[in-house]
Amino acid sequence: MDNIKDIVNTVIGNMASQNPDEHNKAERIWENLLNEKELRHTKVIGIKEDTLFVCVDSPAWMYQMRIRQMSILKQLKEDVPGVKRIRFKMGKIK
């Protein structure tokens, strides 16, 4: 049986990926903003309205990303101005 977190992340990802070009652009920018270690523990799920959804694999990385959230968002807004916030969700990074 699937873990409920994985199901929720899949549903959010499907809903958020309605505009694949914007999602791909946000994902490329995300990969350029974070270091290699951070990228191993995070994954962009998608964009829904003005929110970028990101999956993190542990509470420690959730905390770390929340510390950096405002600086990442500031840089992200330069290339994807429609994104006004980042929401982090716990789940598996595939």
PDB file of N, CA and C in Angstrom:
ATOM      1  N   MET A   1       0.842  -1.171   0.000  1.00  0.00           N
ATOM      2  CA  MET A   1       0.000   0.000   0.000  1.00  0.00           C
ATOM      3  C   MET A   1       0.890   1.238   0.000  1.00  0.00           C
ATOM      4  N   ASP A   2       0.504   2.234  -0.790  1.00  0.00           N
ATOM      5  CA  ASP A   2       1.284   3.462  -0.900  1.00  0.00           C
ATOM      6  C   ASP A   2       1.179   4.294   0.366  1.00  0.00           C
ATOM      7  N   ASN A   3       2.274   4.962   0.667  1.00  0.00           N
ATOM      8  CA  ASN A   3       2.323   5.887   1.791  1.00  0.00           C
ATOM      9  C   ASN A   3       1.478   7.110   1.446  1.00  0.00           C
ATOM     10  N   ILE A   4       0.690   7.613   2.382  1.00  0.00           N
ATOM     11  CA  ILE A   4      -0.202   8.742   2.126  1.00  0.00           C
ATOM     12  C   ILE A   4       0.580   9.976   1.689  1.00  0.00           C
ATOM     13  N   LYS A   5       1.802  10.176   2.234  1.00  0.00           N
ATOM     14  CA  LYS A   5       2.624  11.318   1.827  1.00  0.00           C
ATOM     15  C   LYS A   5       2.966  11.239   0.345  1.00  0.00           C
ATOM     16  N   ASP A   6       3.284  10.038  -0.126  1.00  0.00           N
ATOM     17  CA  ASP A   6       3.615   9.868  -1.535  1.00  0.00           C
ATOM     18  C   ASP A   6       2.398  10.135  -2.418  1.00  0.00           C
ATOM     19  N   ILE A   7       1.239   9.695  -1.973  1.00  0.00           N
ATOM     20  CA  ILE A   7       0.010   9.918  -2.726  1.00  0.00           C
ATOM     21  C   ILE A   7      -0.291  11.415  -2.810  1.00  0.00           C
ATOM     22  N   VAL A   8      -0.186  12.105  -1.674  1.00  0.00           N
ATOM     23  CA  VAL A   8      -0.442  13.546  -1.649  1.00  0.00           C
ATOM     24  C   VAL A   8       0.552  14.270  -2.557  1.00  0.00           C
ATOM     25  N   ASN A   9       1.831  13.911  -2.475  1.00  0.00           N
ATOM     26  CA  ASN A   9       2.830  14.552  -3.327  1.00  0.00           C
ATOM     27  C   ASN A   9       2.564  14.299  -4.804  1.00  0.00           C
ATOM     28  N   THR A  10       2.123  13.113  -5.145  1.00  0.00           N
ATOM     29  CA  THR A  10       1.782  12.811  -6.537  1.00  0.00           C
ATOM     30  C   THR A  10       0.599  13.643  -6.997  1.00  0.00           C
ATOM     31  N   VAL A  11      -0.430  13.738  -6.177  1.00  0.00           N
ATOM     32  CA  VAL A  11      -1.612  14.528  -6.527  1.00  0.00           C
ATOM     33  C   VAL A  11      -1.240  15.998  -6.696  1.00  0.00           C
ATOM     34  N   ILE A  12      -0.469  16.536  -5.756  1.00  0.00           N
ATOM     35  CA  ILE A  12      -0.048  17.943  -5.857  1.00  0.00           C
ATOM     36  C   ILE A  12       0.799  18.133  -7.103  1.00  0.00           C
ATOM     37  N   GLY A  13       1.686  17.203  -7.351  1.00  0.00           N
ATOM     38  CA  GLY A  13       2.527  17.288  -8.549  1.00  0.00           C
ATOM     39  C   GLY A  13       1.707  17.290  -9.821  1.00  0.00           C
ATOM     40  N   ASN A  14       0.689  16.438  -9.887  1.00  0.00           N
ATOM     41  CA  ASN A  14      -0.171  16.390 -11.074  1.00  0.00           C
ATOM     42  C   ASN A  14      -0.960  17.675 -11.244  1.00  0.00           C
ATOM     43  N   MET A  15      -1.484  18.204 -10.145  1.00  0.00           N
ATOM     44  CA  MET A  15      -2.238  19.457 -10.212  1.00  0.00           C
ATOM     45  C   MET A  15      -1.317  20.620 -10.560  1.00  0.00           C
ATOM     46  N   ALA A  16      -0.126  20.611  -9.992  1.00  0.00           N
ATOM     47  CA  ALA A  16       0.787  21.731 -10.158  1.00  0.00           C
ATOM     48  C   ALA A  16       1.455  21.753 -11.522  1.00  0.00           C
ATOM     49  N   SER A  17       1.487  20.641 -12.200  1.00  0.00           N
ATOM     50  CA  SER A  17       2.184  20.570 -13.479  1.00  0.00           C
ATOM     51  C   SER A  17       1.291  20.907 -14.661  1.00  0.00           C
ATOM     52  N   GLN A  18       0.278  21.691 -14.440  1.00  0.00           N
ATOM     53  CA  GLN A  18      -0.620  22.045 -15.529  1.00  0.00           C
ATOM     54  C   GLN A  18       0.067  22.937 -16.556  1.00  0.00           C
ATOM     55  N   ASN A  19       1.096  23.672 -16.163  1.00  0.00           N
ATOM     56  CA  ASN A  19       1.873  24.478 -17.075  1.00  0.00           C
ATOM     57  C   ASN A  19       3.301  23.934 -17.074  1.00  0.00           C
ATOM     58  N   PRO A  20       3.598  22.944 -17.940  1.00  0.00           N
ATOM     59  CA  PRO A  20       4.895  22.274 -17.883  1.00  0.00           C
ATOM     60  C   PRO A  20       6.074  23.193 -18.197  1.00  0.00           C
ATOM     61  N   ASP A  21       5.891  24.201 -19.048  1.00  0.00           N
ATOM     62  CA  ASP A  21       7.001  25.099 -19.360  1.00  0.00           C
ATOM     63  C   ASP A  21       7.446  25.879 -18.130  1.00  0.00           C
ATOM     64  N   GLU A  22       6.487  26.415 -17.398  1.00  0.00           N
ATOM     65  CA  GLU A  22       6.804  27.154 -16.178  1.00  0.00           C
ATOM     66  C   GLU A  22       7.417  26.229 -15.134  1.00  0.00           C
ATOM     67  N   HIS A  23       6.884  25.020 -15.027  1.00  0.00           N
ATOM     68  CA  HIS A  23       7.433  24.035 -14.084  1.00  0.00           C
ATOM     69  C   HIS A  23       8.880  23.715 -14.446  1.00  0.00           C
ATOM     70  N   ASN A  24       9.155  23.441 -15.716  1.00  0.00           N
ATOM     71  CA  ASN A  24      10.511  23.101 -16.141  1.00  0.00           C
ATOM     72  C   ASN A  24      11.473  24.253 -15.890  1.00  0.00           C
ATOM     73  N   LYS A  25      11.021  25.468 -16.156  1.00  0.00           N
ATOM     74  CA  LYS A  25      11.862  26.638 -15.919  1.00  0.00           C
ATOM     75  C   LYS A  25      12.166  26.777 -14.428  1.00  0.00           C
ATOM     76  N   ALA A  26      11.157  26.638 -13.586  1.00  0.00           N
ATOM     77  CA  ALA A  26      11.356  26.729 -12.137  1.00  0.00           C
ATOM     78  C   ALA A  26      12.292  25.633 -11.649  1.00  0.00           C
ATOM     79  N   GLU A  27      12.150  24.442 -12.202  1.00  0.00           N
ATOM     80  CA  GLU A  27      13.005  23.321 -11.792  1.00  0.00           C
ATOM     81  C   GLU A  27      14.464  23.577 -12.182  1.00  0.00           C
ATOM     82  N   ARG A  28      14.704  24.104 -13.379  1.00  0.00           N
ATOM     83  CA  ARG A  28      16.071  24.421 -13.804  1.00  0.00           C
ATOM     84  C   ARG A  28      16.681  25.500 -12.914  1.00  0.00           C
ATOM     85  N   ILE A  29      15.894  26.520 -12.602  1.00  0.00           N
ATOM     86  CA  ILE A  29      16.381  27.594 -11.740  1.00  0.00           C
ATOM     87  C   ILE A  29      16.678  27.054 -10.353  1.00  0.00           C
ATOM     88  N   TRP A  30      15.782  26.212  -9.827  1.00  0.00           N
ATOM     89  CA  TRP A  30      15.982  25.589  -8.514  1.00  0.00           C
ATOM     90  C   TRP A  30      17.315  24.853  -8.482  1.00  0.00           C
ATOM     91  N   GLU A  31      17.596  24.092  -9.537  1.00  0.00           N
ATOM     92  CA  GLU A  31      18.841  23.320  -9.599  1.00  0.00           C
ATOM     93  C   GLU A  31      20.069  24.221  -9.627  1.00  0.00           C
ATOM     94  N   ASN A  32      19.932  25.425 -10.187  1.00  0.00           N
ATOM     95  CA  ASN A  32      21.053  26.364 -10.219  1.00  0.00           C
ATOM     96  C   ASN A  32      21.230  27.111  -8.899  1.00  0.00           C
ATOM     97  N   LEU A  33      20.166  27.268  -8.126  1.00  0.00           N
ATOM     98  CA  LEU A  33      20.222  28.022  -6.872  1.00  0.00           C
ATOM     99  C   LEU A  33      20.763  27.208  -5.699  1.00  0.00           C
ATOM    100  N   LEU A  34      20.559  25.894  -5.732  1.00  0.00           N
ATOM    101  CA  LEU A  34      20.939  25.051  -4.609  1.00  0.00           C
ATOM    102  C   LEU A  34      22.249  24.338  -4.879  1.00  0.00           C
ATOM    103  N   ASN A  35      22.928  23.979  -3.800  1.00  0.00           N
ATOM    104  CA  ASN A  35      24.151  23.200  -3.977  1.00  0.00           C
ATOM    105  C   ASN A  35      23.789  21.718  -4.141  1.00  0.00           C
ATOM    106  N   GLU A  36      24.795  20.932  -4.472  1.00  0.00           N
ATOM    107  CA  GLU A  36      24.566  19.510  -4.780  1.00  0.00           C
ATOM    108  C   GLU A  36      23.942  18.755  -3.607  1.00  0.00           C
ATOM    109  N   LYS A  37      24.401  19.042  -2.399  1.00  0.00           N
ATOM    110  CA  LYS A  37      23.883  18.354  -1.218  1.00  0.00           C
ATOM    111  C   LYS A  37      22.401  18.691  -1.006  1.00  0.00           C
ATOM    112  N   GLU A  38      22.038  19.965  -1.166  1.00  0.00           N
ATOM    113  CA  GLU A  38      20.642  20.376  -1.011  1.00  0.00           C
ATOM    114  C   GLU A  38      19.760  19.731  -2.071  1.00  0.00           C
ATOM    115  N   LEU A  39      20.280  19.611  -3.278  1.00  0.00           N
ATOM    116  CA  LEU A  39      19.501  19.008  -4.361  1.00  0.00           C
ATOM    117  C   LEU A  39      19.221  17.529  -4.119  1.00  0.00           C
ATOM    118  N   ARG A  40      20.096  16.843  -3.416  1.00  0.00           N
ATOM    119  CA  ARG A  40      19.868  15.421  -3.111  1.00  0.00           C
ATOM    120  C   ARG A  40      18.723  15.230  -2.138  1.00  0.00           C
ATOM    121  N   HIS A  41      18.364  16.285  -1.408  1.00  0.00           N
ATOM    122  CA  HIS A  41      17.333  16.179  -0.375  1.00  0.00           C
ATOM    123  C   HIS A  41      16.058  16.941  -0.708  1.00  0.00           C
ATOM    124  N   THR A  42      15.988  17.532  -1.906  1.00  0.00           N
ATOM    125  CA  THR A  42      14.806  18.298  -2.314  1.00  0.00           C
ATOM    126  C   THR A  42      14.424  17.949  -3.747  1.00  0.00           C
ATOM    127  N   LYS A  43      13.155  18.186  -4.061  1.00  0.00           N
ATOM    128  CA  LYS A  43      12.683  17.975  -5.433  1.00  0.00           C
ATOM    129  C   LYS A  43      11.504  18.905  -5.683  1.00  0.00           C
ATOM    130  N   VAL A  44      11.560  19.627  -6.798  1.00  0.00           N
ATOM    131  CA  VAL A  44      10.443  20.483  -7.182  1.00  0.00           C
ATOM    132  C   VAL A  44       9.299  19.586  -7.634  1.00  0.00           C
ATOM    133  N   ILE A  45       8.132  19.777  -7.024  1.00  0.00           N
ATOM    134  CA  ILE A  45       6.951  19.000  -7.395  1.00  0.00           C
ATOM    135  C   ILE A  45       6.194  19.700  -8.513  1.00  0.00           C
ATOM    136  N   GLY A  46       6.055  21.019  -8.395  1.00  0.00           N
ATOM    137  CA  GLY A  46       5.355  21.767  -9.425  1.00  0.00           C
ATOM    138  C   GLY A  46       4.939  23.140  -8.945  1.00  0.00           C
ATOM    139  N   ILE A  47       4.225  23.836  -9.828  1.00  0.00           N
ATOM    140  CA  ILE A  47       3.724  25.173  -9.518  1.00  0.00           C
ATOM    141  C   ILE A  47       2.212  25.152  -9.643  1.00  0.00           C
ATOM    142  N   LYS A  48       1.552  25.679  -8.648  1.00  0.00           N
ATOM    143  CA  LYS A  48       0.089  25.812  -8.648  1.00  0.00           C
ATOM    144  C   LYS A  48      -0.214  27.258  -8.292  1.00  0.00           C
ATOM    145  N   GLU A  49      -0.869  27.946  -9.210  1.00  0.00           N
ATOM    146  CA  GLU A  49      -1.163  29.373  -9.058  1.00  0.00           C
ATOM    147  C   GLU A  49       0.137  30.127  -8.825  1.00  0.00           C
ATOM    148  N   ASP A  50       0.352  30.688  -7.637  1.00  0.00           N
ATOM    149  CA  ASP A  50       1.566  31.471  -7.378  1.00  0.00           C
ATOM    150  C   ASP A  50       2.519  30.777  -6.406  1.00  0.00           C
ATOM    151  N   THR A  51       2.375  29.455  -6.236  1.00  0.00           N
ATOM    152  CA  THR A  51       3.147  28.717  -5.242  1.00  0.00           C
ATOM    153  C   THR A  51       3.987  27.620  -5.891  1.00  0.00           C
ATOM    154  N   LEU A  52       5.269  27.597  -5.542  1.00  0.00           N
ATOM    155  CA  LEU A  52       6.163  26.527  -5.958  1.00  0.00           C
ATOM    156  C   LEU A  52       6.149  25.473  -4.856  1.00  0.00           C
ATOM    157  N   PHE A  53       5.803  24.247  -5.198  1.00  0.00           N
ATOM    158  CA  PHE A  53       5.768  23.147  -4.233  1.00  0.00           C
ATOM    159  C   PHE A  53       7.067  22.346  -4.352  1.00  0.00           C
ATOM    160  N   VAL A  54       7.696  22.120  -3.202  1.00  0.00           N
ATOM    161  CA  VAL A  54       8.968  21.409  -3.158  1.00  0.00           C
ATOM    162  C   VAL A  54       8.870  20.307  -2.105  1.00  0.00           C
ATOM    163  N   CYS A  55       9.319  19.127  -2.467  1.00  0.00           N
ATOM    164  CA  CYS A  55       9.351  17.989  -1.550  1.00  0.00           C
ATOM    165  C   CYS A  55      10.736  17.922  -0.900  1.00  0.00           C
ATOM    166  N   VAL A  56      10.769  17.705   0.412  1.00  0.00           N
ATOM    167  CA  VAL A  56      12.022  17.498   1.148  1.00  0.00           C
ATOM    168  C   VAL A  56      11.942  16.152   1.851  1.00  0.00           C
ATOM    169  N   ASP A  57      13.107  15.542   2.086  1.00  0.00           N
ATOM    170  CA  ASP A  57      13.079  14.164   2.573  1.00  0.00           C
ATOM    171  C   ASP A  57      13.224  13.980   4.085  1.00  0.00           C
ATOM    172  N   SER A  58      13.358  15.070   4.844  1.00  0.00           N
ATOM    173  CA  SER A  58      13.469  14.909   6.303  1.00  0.00           C
ATOM    174  C   SER A  58      13.133  16.231   6.995  1.00  0.00           C
ATOM    175  N   PRO A  59      12.793  16.153   8.277  1.00  0.00           N
ATOM    176  CA  PRO A  59      12.534  17.385   9.024  1.00  0.00           C
ATOM    177  C   PRO A  59      13.756  18.310   9.074  1.00  0.00           C
ATOM    178  N   ALA A  60      14.938  17.737   9.126  1.00  0.00           N
ATOM    179  CA  ALA A  60      16.154  18.548   9.152  1.00  0.00           C
ATOM    180  C   ALA A  60      16.295  19.368   7.874  1.00  0.00           C
ATOM    181  N   TRP A  61      15.999  18.741   6.740  1.00  0.00           N
ATOM    182  CA  TRP A  61      16.086  19.471   5.467  1.00  0.00           C
ATOM    183  C   TRP A  61      14.919  20.436   5.297  1.00  0.00           C
ATOM    184  N   MET A  62      13.788  20.126   5.876  1.00  0.00           N
ATOM    185  CA  MET A  62      12.665  21.072   5.881  1.00  0.00           C
ATOM    186  C   MET A  62      13.104  22.354   6.596  1.00  0.00           C
ATOM    187  N   TYR A  63      13.727  22.196   7.742  1.00  0.00           N
ATOM    188  CA  TYR A  63      14.213  23.342   8.520  1.00  0.00           C
ATOM    189  C   TYR A  63      15.260  24.120   7.727  1.00  0.00           C
ATOM    190  N   GLN A  64      16.212  23.415   7.139  1.00  0.00           N
ATOM    191  CA  GLN A  64      17.277  24.049   6.365  1.00  0.00           C
ATOM    192  C   GLN A  64      16.707  24.851   5.196  1.00  0.00           C
ATOM    193  N   MET A  65      15.740  24.287   4.497  1.00  0.00           N
ATOM    194  CA  MET A  65      15.155  24.983   3.352  1.00  0.00           C
ATOM    195  C   MET A  65      14.315  26.183   3.797  1.00  0.00           C
ATOM    196  N   ARG A  66      13.666  26.066   4.930  1.00  0.00           N
ATOM    197  CA  ARG A  66      12.885  27.207   5.436  1.00  0.00           C
ATOM    198  C   ARG A  66      13.799  28.364   5.827  1.00  0.00           C
ATOM    199  N   ILE A  67      14.982  28.050   6.316  1.00  0.00           N
ATOM    200  CA  ILE A  67      15.947  29.102   6.631  1.00  0.00           C
ATOM    201  C   ILE A  67      16.334  29.849   5.347  1.00  0.00           C
ATOM    202  N   ARG A  68      16.524  29.136   4.273  1.00  0.00           N
ATOM    203  CA  ARG A  68      16.955  29.726   2.998  1.00  0.00           C
ATOM    204  C   ARG A  68      15.792  30.181   2.112  1.00  0.00           C
ATOM    205  N   GLN A  69      14.574  29.926   2.533  1.00  0.00           N
ATOM    206  CA  GLN A  69      13.391  30.155   1.709  1.00  0.00           C
ATOM    207  C   GLN A  69      13.328  31.565   1.113  1.00  0.00           C
ATOM    208  N   MET A  70      13.522  32.597   1.906  1.00  0.00           N
ATOM    209  CA  MET A  70      13.372  33.962   1.413  1.00  0.00           C
ATOM    210  C   MET A  70      14.445  34.317   0.382  1.00  0.00           C
ATOM    211  N   SER A  71      15.686  33.896   0.607  1.00  0.00           N
ATOM    212  CA  SER A  71      16.742  34.207  -0.361  1.00  0.00           C
ATOM    213  C   SER A  71      16.535  33.429  -1.660  1.00  0.00           C
ATOM    214  N   ILE A  72      16.092  32.183  -1.563  1.00  0.00           N
ATOM    215  CA  ILE A  72      15.806  31.385  -2.762  1.00  0.00           C
ATOM    216  C   ILE A  72      14.642  32.010  -3.523  1.00  0.00           C
ATOM    217  N   LEU A  73      13.588  32.389  -2.797  1.00  0.00           N
ATOM    218  CA  LEU A  73      12.407  32.977  -3.426  1.00  0.00           C
ATOM    219  C   LEU A  73      12.756  34.280  -4.142  1.00  0.00           C
ATOM    220  N   LYS A  74      13.572  35.094  -3.535  1.00  0.00           N
ATOM    221  CA  LYS A  74      13.978  36.366  -4.151  1.00  0.00           C
ATOM    222  C   LYS A  74      14.656  36.121  -5.497  1.00  0.00           C
ATOM    223  N   GLN A  75      15.569  35.158  -5.547  1.00  0.00           N
ATOM    224  CA  GLN A  75      16.268  34.840  -6.793  1.00  0.00           C
ATOM    225  C   GLN A  75      15.330  34.180  -7.800  1.00  0.00           C
ATOM    226  N   LEU A  76      14.452  33.341  -7.320  1.00  0.00           N
ATOM    227  CA  LEU A  76      13.514  32.639  -8.189  1.00  0.00           C
ATOM    228  C   LEU A  76      12.543  33.610  -8.864  1.00  0.00           C
ATOM    229  N   LYS A  77      12.104  34.615  -8.124  1.00  0.00           N
ATOM    230  CA  LYS A  77      11.149  35.603  -8.653  1.00  0.00           C
ATOM    231  C   LYS A  77      11.712  36.375  -9.837  1.00  0.00           C
ATOM    232  N   GLU A  78      13.032  36.517  -9.895  1.00  0.00           N
ATOM    233  CA  GLU A  78      13.641  37.239 -11.002  1.00  0.00           C
ATOM    234  C   GLU A  78      13.358  36.571 -12.342  1.00  0.00           C
ATOM    235  N   ASP A  79      13.340  35.245 -12.372  1.00  0.00           N
ATOM    236  CA  ASP A  79      13.126  34.504 -13.616  1.00  0.00           C
ATOM    237  C   ASP A  79      11.714  33.950 -13.767  1.00  0.00           C
ATOM    238  N   VAL A  80      11.035  33.733 -12.667  1.00  0.00           N
ATOM    239  CA  VAL A  80       9.654  33.238 -12.688  1.00  0.00           C
ATOM    240  C   VAL A  80       8.843  34.176 -11.801  1.00  0.00           C
ATOM    241  N   PRO A  81       8.479  35.354 -12.333  1.00  0.00           N
ATOM    242  CA  PRO A  81       7.821  36.367 -11.492  1.00  0.00           C
ATOM    243  C   PRO A  81       6.459  35.946 -10.945  1.00  0.00           C
ATOM    244  N   GLY A  82       5.831  34.957 -11.536  1.00  0.00           N
ATOM    245  CA  GLY A  82       4.534  34.495 -11.048  1.00  0.00           C
ATOM    246  C   GLY A  82       4.605  33.757  -9.726  1.00  0.00           C
ATOM    247  N   VAL A  83       5.790  33.296  -9.340  1.00  0.00           N
ATOM    248  CA  VAL A  83       5.958  32.562  -8.089  1.00  0.00           C
ATOM    249  C   VAL A  83       6.105  33.561  -6.946  1.00  0.00           C
ATOM    250  N   LYS A  84       5.192  33.466  -5.983  1.00  0.00           N
ATOM    251  CA  LYS A  84       5.207  34.395  -4.860  1.00  0.00           C
ATOM    252  C   LYS A  84       5.543  33.715  -3.532  1.00  0.00           C
ATOM    253  N   ARG A  85       5.488  32.378  -3.525  1.00  0.00           N
ATOM    254  CA  ARG A  85       5.817  31.665  -2.285  1.00  0.00           C
ATOM    255  C   ARG A  85       6.297  30.249  -2.613  1.00  0.00           C
ATOM    256  N   ILE A  86       6.954  29.671  -1.627  1.00  0.00           N
ATOM    257  CA  ILE A  86       7.425  28.289  -1.730  1.00  0.00           C
ATOM    258  C   ILE A  86       6.807  27.515  -0.576  1.00  0.00           C
ATOM    259  N   ARG A  87       6.227  26.355  -0.885  1.00  0.00           N
ATOM    260  CA  ARG A  87       5.669  25.463   0.143  1.00  0.00           C
ATOM    261  C   ARG A  87       6.469  24.178   0.127  1.00  0.00           C
ATOM    262  N   PHE A  88       6.934  23.792   1.291  1.00  0.00           N
ATOM    263  CA  PHE A  88       7.708  22.556   1.422  1.00  0.00           C
ATOM    264  C   PHE A  88       6.822  21.463   1.998  1.00  0.00           C
ATOM    265  N   LYS A  89       6.959  20.268   1.434  1.00  0.00           N
ATOM    266  CA  LYS A  89       6.214  19.085   1.872  1.00  0.00           C
ATOM    267  C   LYS A  89       7.210  17.977   2.155  1.00  0.00           C
ATOM    268  N   MET A  90       6.899  17.145   3.154  1.00  0.00           N
ATOM    269  CA  MET A  90       7.741  15.987   3.452  1.00  0.00           C
ATOM    270  C   MET A  90       7.358  14.838   2.526  1.00  0.00           C
ATOM    271  N   GLY A  91       8.365  14.089   2.076  1.00  0.00           N
ATOM    272  CA  GLY A  91       8.099  12.934   1.243  1.00  0.00           C
ATOM    273  C   GLY A  91       9.390  12.339   0.726  1.00  0.00           C
ATOM    274  N   LYS A  92       9.248  11.326  -0.108  1.00  0.00           N
ATOM    275  CA  LYS A  92      10.398  10.661  -0.698  1.00  0.00           C
ATOM    276  C   LYS A  92      10.899  11.462  -1.897  1.00  0.00           C
ATOM    277  N   ILE A  93      12.210  11.501  -2.034  1.00  0.00           N
ATOM    278  CA  ILE A  93      12.838  12.125  -3.184  1.00  0.00           C
ATOM    279  C   ILE A  93      13.211  10.992  -4.134  1.00  0.00           C
ATOM    280  N   LYS A  94      12.626  11.009  -5.317  1.00  0.00           N
ATOM    281  CA  LYS A  94      12.859   9.917  -6.271  1.00  0.00           C
ATOM    282  C   LYS A  94      13.863  10.311  -7.303  1.00  0.00           C
TER     283      LYS A  94
END
